Amino acid sequence: MTPLRIRAIDWLRGLVIALMTVDHAGTIFDAAHLHGDNALRWVVGSPLPPGEFLTRWITHLCAPVFVLLAGASLALSAEKRKGQPGQTRFIVTRGLFILALDPLWMSLGFAKYDRFVFQVLYALGLSMVCMALLRRLSSRALLVGAAALTGLHELSDLWHPVEQPFHALWGYLFVGGPVFVRTVCAYPVVPWLAIMMAGWVLGRWFLEPRTQAQRARTLALLGLSLLGLFVVVRGLDGYGNWNLHREGPGLLQWLHVAKYPPSLSYVCLELGLGLGLLALFVWIDVPGRERPWLAPLSLFGASAFFYYLLHVHLMAGVQQVLGLDTHVDGLLRTWVAAGLTLAVLAGPCWLYRRYKAAHPDGWTRYV
């Protein structure tokens, strides 16, 4: 039987956590940190400095893969506790708890409560609430629904309500942006729910009997198919790019895709790369063989949510204590800060993982 804790998933999630740290370190320590992936605010003709752009671009992988793997882990966990009463209530309760952490806790780290942010935890938590019901659908229905939501999502751009509460509803569900005074939604739930639905199917698929080679080959083919679709959508440069079009033939222009809100080209590119990396990790995950060089990824992958709740506050606190000039460009400072943050939080993450393993049914189920 396939183990419910899959090392390849932890390795990939750990890689995502490390890349995410680079992105958030750039936000805090680098005044030139690039946010040119917002389709609603991009100014045509703006420069794309290669160093800043590529540092930001490699972190695009984080949110889609994190949500995909969250869906897979939820499916694996649900199978582990199949038949136990109260599972739907737990999924809804945990989802609401995760959602609430964005405005109540992460807004402190990201914005010092100058504004309230609804980011990946909002999208993740509300998607979990939806999955409490949607998980009863077949895998085929979930995949069709995920493809439809992703492919048709850009049509929501045809509706631009300005009066409340419809403006806020439009933002929270479809496009993000300012929704109320001092309130911003960066991750509208509908496109991210689609990715979680696909992740749930991925988790079910991992529970089916297959050889390691079969799994790796299938994941690689899926990844290549999505990358092929990305080339088509980005090449046509029309629908599917959420009005963030190529401004030239260069590679950076091809990679300059809309994350806010997530365009079809963005989703295909990042999930294609993510599934390719997962295929690689599955291929090297030989049962009974240790991979000590991947131990750091395993550590952070198994304690990803715990790490997420601490890392921004740690970096923001250090920046405040040291009084670093936030108006100075600092690409090198970004990478150094990210490395130090991972090193400092490795110990707490190790202790948390150990505690969670000893208390699998306690409060750690929520974190």
Protein backbone atom coordinates (compact mmCIF):
# COMPACT_ATOMS: atom_id res chain seq x y z
CA MET A 1 0.00 0.00 0.00
CA THR A 2 1.20 3.49 -0.79
CA PRO A 3 2.35 5.29 2.40
CA LEU A 4 0.21 8.23 3.43
CA ARG A 5 3.35 10.31 4.06
CA ILE A 6 5.04 10.56 0.69
CA ARG A 7 8.63 11.80 0.76
CA ALA A 8 8.49 13.19 -2.77
CA ILE A 9 5.64 15.50 -1.75
CA ASP A 10 7.54 16.70 1.30
CA TRP A 11 10.67 17.31 -0.79
CA LEU A 12 8.80 19.41 -3.32
CA ARG A 13 6.92 21.32 -0.63
CA GLY A 14 10.22 21.99 1.14
CA LEU A 15 11.69 23.40 -2.07
CA VAL A 16 8.64 25.63 -2.42
CA ILE A 17 9.08 26.89 1.15
CA ALA A 18 12.72 27.80 0.47
CA LEU A 19 11.80 29.70 -2.70
CA MET A 20 8.95 31.44 -0.92
CA THR A 21 11.40 32.66 1.70
CA VAL A 22 13.50 34.27 -1.04
CA ASP A 23 10.44 36.11 -2.36
CA HIS A 24 9.34 37.42 1.03
CA ALA A 25 12.90 38.38 1.94
CA GLY A 26 12.97 40.45 -1.23
CA THR A 27 9.74 42.18 -0.24
CA ILE A 28 11.21 43.14 3.15
CA PHE A 29 14.88 43.80 2.37
CA ASP A 30 15.06 44.87 -1.29
CA ALA A 31 13.53 48.15 -2.43
CA ALA A 32 13.88 47.05 -6.06
CA HIS A 33 12.00 43.78 -5.53
CA LEU A 34 9.94 43.30 -8.67
CA HIS A 35 6.14 42.90 -8.55
CA GLY A 36 5.51 43.21 -12.28
CA ASP A 37 3.25 40.15 -12.36
CA ASN A 38 0.12 42.10 -11.39
CA ALA A 39 -1.93 42.25 -14.57
CA LEU A 40 -4.20 44.98 -13.22
CA ARG A 41 -1.36 47.38 -12.38
CA TRP A 42 1.31 46.64 -14.99
CA VAL A 43 2.41 49.65 -17.02
CA VAL A 44 3.28 48.71 -20.60
CA GLY A 45 6.93 49.40 -21.37
CA SER A 46 8.17 49.08 -17.80
CA PRO A 47 11.64 47.50 -17.54
CA LEU A 48 12.31 43.92 -16.47
CA PRO A 49 15.76 43.92 -14.79
CA PRO A 50 17.02 40.35 -15.33
CA GLY A 51 18.38 39.75 -11.83
CA GLU A 52 15.33 41.08 -10.05
CA PHE A 53 12.94 39.51 -12.54
CA LEU A 54 14.43 36.02 -12.39
CA THR A 55 14.68 36.12 -8.59
CA ARG A 56 10.99 36.91 -8.49
CA TRP A 57 10.11 34.51 -11.31
CA ILE A 58 11.56 31.38 -9.71
CA THR A 59 9.25 31.99 -6.75
CA HIS A 60 6.16 31.94 -8.98
CA LEU A 61 6.27 28.18 -8.48
CA CYS A 62 5.38 28.52 -4.80
CA ALA A 63 1.69 29.33 -4.53
CA PRO A 64 0.34 26.99 -7.26
CA VAL A 65 2.43 24.04 -6.10
CA PHE A 66 1.71 24.74 -2.43
CA VAL A 67 -2.06 24.74 -3.07
CA LEU A 68 -1.81 21.67 -5.33
CA LEU A 69 0.10 19.72 -2.69
CA ALA A 70 -2.26 20.96 0.03
CA GLY A 71 -5.11 19.37 -1.90
CA ALA A 72 -3.13 16.15 -2.31
CA SER A 73 -2.26 16.04 1.40
CA LEU A 74 -5.88 16.66 2.35
CA ALA A 75 -6.95 13.72 0.20
CA LEU A 76 -4.30 11.49 1.76
CA SER A 77 -5.33 12.58 5.27
CA ALA A 78 -9.01 12.04 4.52
CA GLU A 79 -8.25 8.50 3.35
CA LYS A 80 -6.25 7.85 6.52
CA ARG A 81 -9.25 8.82 8.67
CA LYS A 82 -11.92 7.43 6.37
CA GLY A 83 -14.92 6.26 8.35
CA GLN A 84 -14.18 8.41 11.39
CA PRO A 85 -17.05 10.72 12.35
CA GLY A 86 -16.69 14.49 12.15
CA GLN A 87 -14.37 14.71 9.16
CA THR A 88 -16.48 17.24 7.26
CA ARG A 89 -16.73 19.42 10.36
CA PHE A 90 -12.98 19.24 10.87
CA ILE A 91 -12.21 20.24 7.28
CA VAL A 92 -14.57 23.22 7.50
CA THR A 93 -13.28 24.27 10.92
CA ARG A 94 -9.65 24.02 9.88
CA GLY A 95 -10.35 25.87 6.66
CA LEU A 96 -11.98 28.77 8.51
CA PHE A 97 -9.11 28.83 11.00
CA ILE A 98 -6.53 29.03 8.20
CA LEU A 99 -8.55 31.73 6.41
CA ALA A 100 -8.75 33.86 9.57
CA LEU A 101 -4.99 33.77 10.07
CA ASP A 102 -4.41 36.00 7.05
CA PRO A 103 -6.13 39.16 8.35
CA LEU A 104 -5.51 38.39 12.02
CA TRP A 105 -1.87 37.21 12.00
CA MET A 106 -0.17 37.48 8.62
CA SER A 107 -1.31 41.10 8.20
CA LEU A 108 1.01 41.93 11.10
CA GLY A 109 4.05 40.44 9.38
CA PHE A 110 3.30 41.69 5.88
CA ALA A 111 1.72 45.08 6.60
CA LYS A 112 1.97 45.85 10.35
CA TYR A 113 -1.84 46.11 10.28
CA ASP A 114 -1.63 49.23 8.12
CA ARG A 115 -3.87 47.18 5.88
CA PHE A 116 -5.47 43.77 6.15
CA VAL A 117 -4.29 41.26 3.58
CA PHE A 118 -6.10 38.24 2.23
CA GLN A 119 -3.46 36.13 0.54
CA VAL A 120 -2.67 32.47 0.12
CA LEU A 121 -4.09 31.43 3.52
CA TYR A 122 -7.40 33.02 2.63
CA ALA A 123 -7.55 31.17 -0.69
CA LEU A 124 -6.30 27.95 0.88
CA GLY A 125 -8.71 28.07 3.81
CA LEU A 126 -11.81 28.94 1.81
CA SER A 127 -10.88 26.30 -0.79
CA MET A 128 -10.75 23.74 2.03
CA VAL A 129 -14.24 24.76 3.13
CA CYS A 130 -15.45 24.21 -0.44
CA MET A 131 -13.67 20.84 -0.61
CA ALA A 132 -15.65 19.63 2.40
CA LEU A 133 -18.50 19.20 -0.10
CA LEU A 134 -16.66 18.91 -3.42
CA ARG A 135 -14.56 15.95 -2.18
CA ARG A 136 -17.64 13.78 -2.63
CA LEU A 137 -17.39 14.24 -6.40
CA SER A 138 -15.58 11.75 -8.59
CA SER A 139 -12.03 12.43 -9.71
CA ARG A 140 -13.25 12.99 -13.26
CA ALA A 141 -15.81 15.56 -12.12
CA LEU A 142 -13.19 17.35 -10.02
CA LEU A 143 -10.76 17.52 -12.94
CA VAL A 144 -13.41 18.78 -15.35
CA GLY A 145 -14.45 21.39 -12.81
CA ALA A 146 -10.85 22.44 -12.20
CA ALA A 147 -10.18 22.78 -15.93
CA ALA A 148 -13.39 24.78 -16.45
CA LEU A 149 -12.66 27.19 -13.58
CA THR A 150 -9.09 27.72 -14.78
CA GLY A 151 -9.97 28.08 -18.45
CA LEU A 152 -12.99 30.35 -17.99
CA HIS A 153 -11.66 32.41 -15.10
CA GLU A 154 -10.52 35.28 -17.31
CA LEU A 155 -14.10 35.87 -18.42
CA SER A 156 -14.74 37.40 -15.01
CA ASP A 157 -12.79 40.41 -16.31
CA LEU A 158 -15.91 41.30 -18.31
CA TRP A 159 -17.67 42.30 -15.07
CA HIS A 160 -16.44 45.40 -13.25
CA PRO A 161 -18.83 46.27 -10.42
CA VAL A 162 -17.95 49.43 -8.50
CA GLU A 163 -20.68 49.46 -5.87
CA GLN A 164 -20.43 47.47 -2.67
CA PRO A 165 -20.88 44.69 -1.79
CA PHE A 166 -20.55 43.51 -5.40
CA HIS A 167 -17.10 45.07 -5.85
CA ALA A 168 -15.79 43.19 -2.80
CA LEU A 169 -17.46 39.97 -3.92
CA TRP A 170 -15.91 40.31 -7.38
CA GLY A 171 -12.51 40.88 -5.80
CA TYR A 172 -12.65 38.11 -3.21
CA LEU A 173 -13.88 35.55 -5.74
CA PHE A 174 -12.28 36.39 -9.08
CA VAL A 175 -9.75 39.19 -9.50
CA GLY A 176 -8.42 40.37 -6.14
CA GLY A 177 -7.18 43.90 -5.52
CA PRO A 178 -8.53 46.47 -3.03
CA VAL A 179 -11.89 45.26 -1.72
CA PHE A 180 -12.58 47.59 1.21
CA VAL A 181 -10.75 50.48 2.88
CA ARG A 182 -7.35 49.15 4.09
CA THR A 183 -8.26 45.68 2.86
CA VAL A 184 -6.59 43.94 -0.08
CA CYS A 185 -7.21 40.51 -1.57
CA ALA A 186 -4.21 39.14 -3.47
CA TYR A 187 -5.52 35.59 -3.96
CA PRO A 188 -9.13 35.43 -5.22
CA VAL A 189 -10.52 32.06 -4.29
CA VAL A 190 -12.00 30.72 -7.55
CA PRO A 191 -8.77 30.12 -9.54
CA TRP A 192 -7.00 28.72 -6.47
CA LEU A 193 -9.91 26.43 -5.63
CA ALA A 194 -9.45 24.93 -9.10
CA ILE A 195 -5.84 24.06 -8.27
CA MET A 196 -6.86 22.49 -4.95
CA MET A 197 -9.47 20.38 -6.75
CA ALA A 198 -6.74 19.10 -9.06
CA GLY A 199 -4.55 18.46 -6.02
CA TRP A 200 -7.27 16.35 -4.39
CA VAL A 201 -7.34 14.18 -7.49
CA LEU A 202 -3.54 13.94 -7.33
CA GLY A 203 -3.77 12.68 -3.74
CA ARG A 204 -6.31 10.02 -4.72
CA TRP A 205 -4.07 9.02 -7.61
CA PHE A 206 -1.13 8.48 -5.27
CA LEU A 207 -3.22 5.97 -3.32
CA GLU A 208 -3.76 3.81 -6.38
CA PRO A 209 -1.33 0.92 -6.91
CA ARG A 210 1.40 1.86 -9.39
CA THR A 211 5.11 1.33 -9.71
CA GLN A 212 7.51 4.15 -9.01
CA ALA A 213 8.48 4.32 -12.69
CA GLN A 214 4.84 4.53 -13.76
CA ARG A 215 4.16 7.38 -11.36
CA ALA A 216 7.22 9.34 -12.44
CA ARG A 217 6.45 8.83 -16.14
CA THR A 218 2.81 9.90 -15.80
CA LEU A 219 3.70 13.00 -13.80
CA ALA A 220 6.39 13.95 -16.31
CA LEU A 221 3.98 13.58 -19.22
CA LEU A 222 1.36 15.69 -17.45
CA GLY A 223 3.97 18.34 -16.74
CA LEU A 224 5.13 18.41 -20.35
CA SER A 225 1.54 18.63 -21.56
CA LEU A 226 0.89 21.67 -19.40
CA LEU A 227 4.12 23.29 -20.57
CA GLY A 228 3.05 22.65 -24.15
CA LEU A 229 -0.29 24.33 -23.45
CA PHE A 230 1.60 27.26 -21.93
CA VAL A 231 3.63 27.66 -25.12
CA VAL A 232 0.44 27.74 -27.19
CA VAL A 233 -1.42 30.20 -24.95
CA ARG A 234 1.57 32.47 -24.47
CA GLY A 235 2.50 32.23 -28.13
CA LEU A 236 -0.96 33.28 -29.32
CA ASP A 237 -0.74 36.09 -26.76
CA GLY A 238 -4.49 36.59 -26.57
CA TYR A 239 -7.02 35.09 -24.20
CA GLY A 240 -5.43 33.27 -21.28
CA ASN A 241 -2.81 35.93 -20.49
CA TRP A 242 -5.13 38.28 -18.55
CA ASN A 243 -4.04 41.31 -20.58
CA LEU A 244 -0.38 40.92 -19.57
CA HIS A 245 0.92 40.43 -23.09
CA ARG A 246 4.40 39.93 -24.47
CA GLU A 247 6.07 43.19 -25.44
CA GLY A 248 8.84 41.57 -27.45
CA PRO A 249 10.35 38.24 -28.49
CA GLY A 250 12.76 37.82 -25.57
CA LEU A 251 12.67 35.00 -23.04
CA LEU A 252 11.78 37.31 -20.16
CA GLN A 253 8.73 38.49 -22.05
CA TRP A 254 7.60 34.89 -22.47
CA LEU A 255 8.06 34.26 -18.76
CA HIS A 256 6.39 37.52 -17.71
CA VAL A 257 2.99 36.03 -16.90
CA ALA A 258 0.15 37.30 -14.75
CA LYS A 259 0.01 35.93 -11.22
CA TYR A 260 -2.40 38.53 -9.84
CA PRO A 261 -4.93 37.30 -10.82
CA PRO A 262 -3.52 33.96 -12.04
CA SER A 263 -3.81 33.67 -15.80
CA LEU A 264 -4.17 30.42 -17.72
CA SER A 265 -0.61 30.78 -19.03
CA TYR A 266 0.70 31.26 -15.48
CA VAL A 267 -1.12 28.20 -14.12
CA CYS A 268 0.01 25.98 -17.01
CA LEU A 269 3.62 27.12 -16.71
CA GLU A 270 3.93 26.75 -12.95
CA LEU A 271 1.99 23.50 -12.57
CA GLY A 272 3.87 22.09 -15.56
CA LEU A 273 7.18 22.85 -13.86
CA GLY A 274 5.83 21.66 -10.52
CA LEU A 275 4.67 18.30 -11.85
CA GLY A 276 8.01 17.87 -13.61
CA LEU A 277 9.83 18.41 -10.33
CA LEU A 278 7.45 16.05 -8.55
CA ALA A 279 8.17 13.42 -11.20
CA LEU A 280 11.89 13.82 -10.51
CA PHE A 281 11.40 13.48 -6.76
CA VAL A 282 9.16 10.43 -7.21
CA TRP A 283 11.78 8.85 -9.45
CA ILE A 284 14.57 9.24 -6.88
CA ASP A 285 12.34 8.24 -3.93
CA VAL A 286 13.53 4.64 -3.82
CA PRO A 287 11.90 2.78 -0.88
CA GLY A 288 14.39 1.95 1.85
CA ARG A 289 17.06 4.30 0.51
CA GLU A 290 17.86 7.41 2.49
CA ARG A 291 18.49 10.70 0.75
CA PRO A 292 20.35 12.73 3.40
CA TRP A 293 21.04 15.59 0.99
CA LEU A 294 17.28 16.12 0.77
CA ALA A 295 16.77 16.11 4.54
CA PRO A 296 16.41 19.93 4.74
CA LEU A 297 13.65 19.86 2.13
CA SER A 298 11.96 17.04 3.99
CA LEU A 299 12.12 19.01 7.25
CA PHE A 300 10.58 22.17 5.85
CA GLY A 301 8.12 20.24 3.72
CA ALA A 302 6.77 18.37 6.73
CA SER A 303 6.42 21.58 8.78
CA ALA A 304 5.48 23.99 5.99
CA PHE A 305 2.48 25.66 7.60
CA PHE A 306 4.26 26.08 10.93
CA TYR A 307 7.21 27.68 9.11
CA TYR A 308 4.93 29.96 7.09
CA LEU A 309 3.35 31.39 10.22
CA LEU A 310 6.76 32.43 11.61
CA HIS A 311 9.08 33.41 8.78
CA VAL A 312 7.66 36.79 7.71
CA HIS A 313 7.35 38.02 11.29
CA LEU A 314 10.94 36.98 11.97
CA MET A 315 12.31 38.82 8.95
CA ALA A 316 10.17 41.90 9.51
CA GLY A 317 11.23 41.98 13.16
CA VAL A 318 14.92 41.75 12.28
CA GLN A 319 14.52 44.54 9.74
CA GLN A 320 12.92 46.74 12.38
CA VAL A 321 15.50 45.97 15.07
CA LEU A 322 18.45 46.56 12.74
CA GLY A 323 16.87 49.65 11.25
CA LEU A 324 17.86 48.70 7.71
CA ASP A 325 17.17 51.24 5.00
CA THR A 326 14.15 49.95 3.07
CA HIS A 327 14.86 52.35 0.19
CA VAL A 328 18.10 50.61 -0.78
CA ASP A 329 18.25 47.96 -3.50
CA GLY A 330 19.39 44.70 -2.01
CA LEU A 331 19.31 41.61 -4.21
CA LEU A 332 22.29 40.09 -2.37
CA ARG A 333 20.71 41.04 0.94
CA THR A 334 17.58 39.17 -0.16
CA TRP A 335 19.41 35.88 -0.64
CA VAL A 336 21.43 36.24 2.57
CA ALA A 337 18.30 37.03 4.59
CA ALA A 338 16.47 34.05 3.10
CA GLY A 339 19.32 31.67 3.95
CA LEU A 340 19.60 32.95 7.50
CA THR A 341 15.84 32.70 8.02
CA LEU A 342 15.81 29.07 6.91
CA ALA A 343 18.76 28.31 9.19
CA VAL A 344 17.21 30.00 12.23
CA LEU A 345 13.83 28.30 11.82
CA ALA A 346 15.24 24.83 11.11
CA GLY A 347 15.47 24.05 14.83
CA PRO A 348 11.93 25.12 15.73
CA CYS A 349 10.61 23.22 12.69
CA TRP A 350 12.47 20.08 13.80
CA LEU A 351 10.96 20.34 17.29
CA TYR A 352 7.51 20.96 15.85
CA ARG A 353 7.74 17.99 13.48
CA ARG A 354 8.85 15.76 16.34
CA TYR A 355 6.00 16.97 18.55
CA LYS A 356 3.45 16.53 15.76
CA ALA A 357 4.60 12.96 15.13
CA ALA A 358 4.07 12.18 18.83
CA HIS A 359 0.66 13.94 18.95
CA PRO A 360 -0.94 13.33 15.53
CA ASP A 361 -4.48 14.00 16.72
CA GLY A 362 -3.85 17.10 18.81
CA TRP A 363 -3.85 20.80 17.95
CA THR A 364 -1.14 20.20 15.36
CA ARG A 365 -3.82 18.86 12.98
CA TYR A 366 -4.80 22.48 12.47
CA VAL A 367 -1.21 23.57 11.73
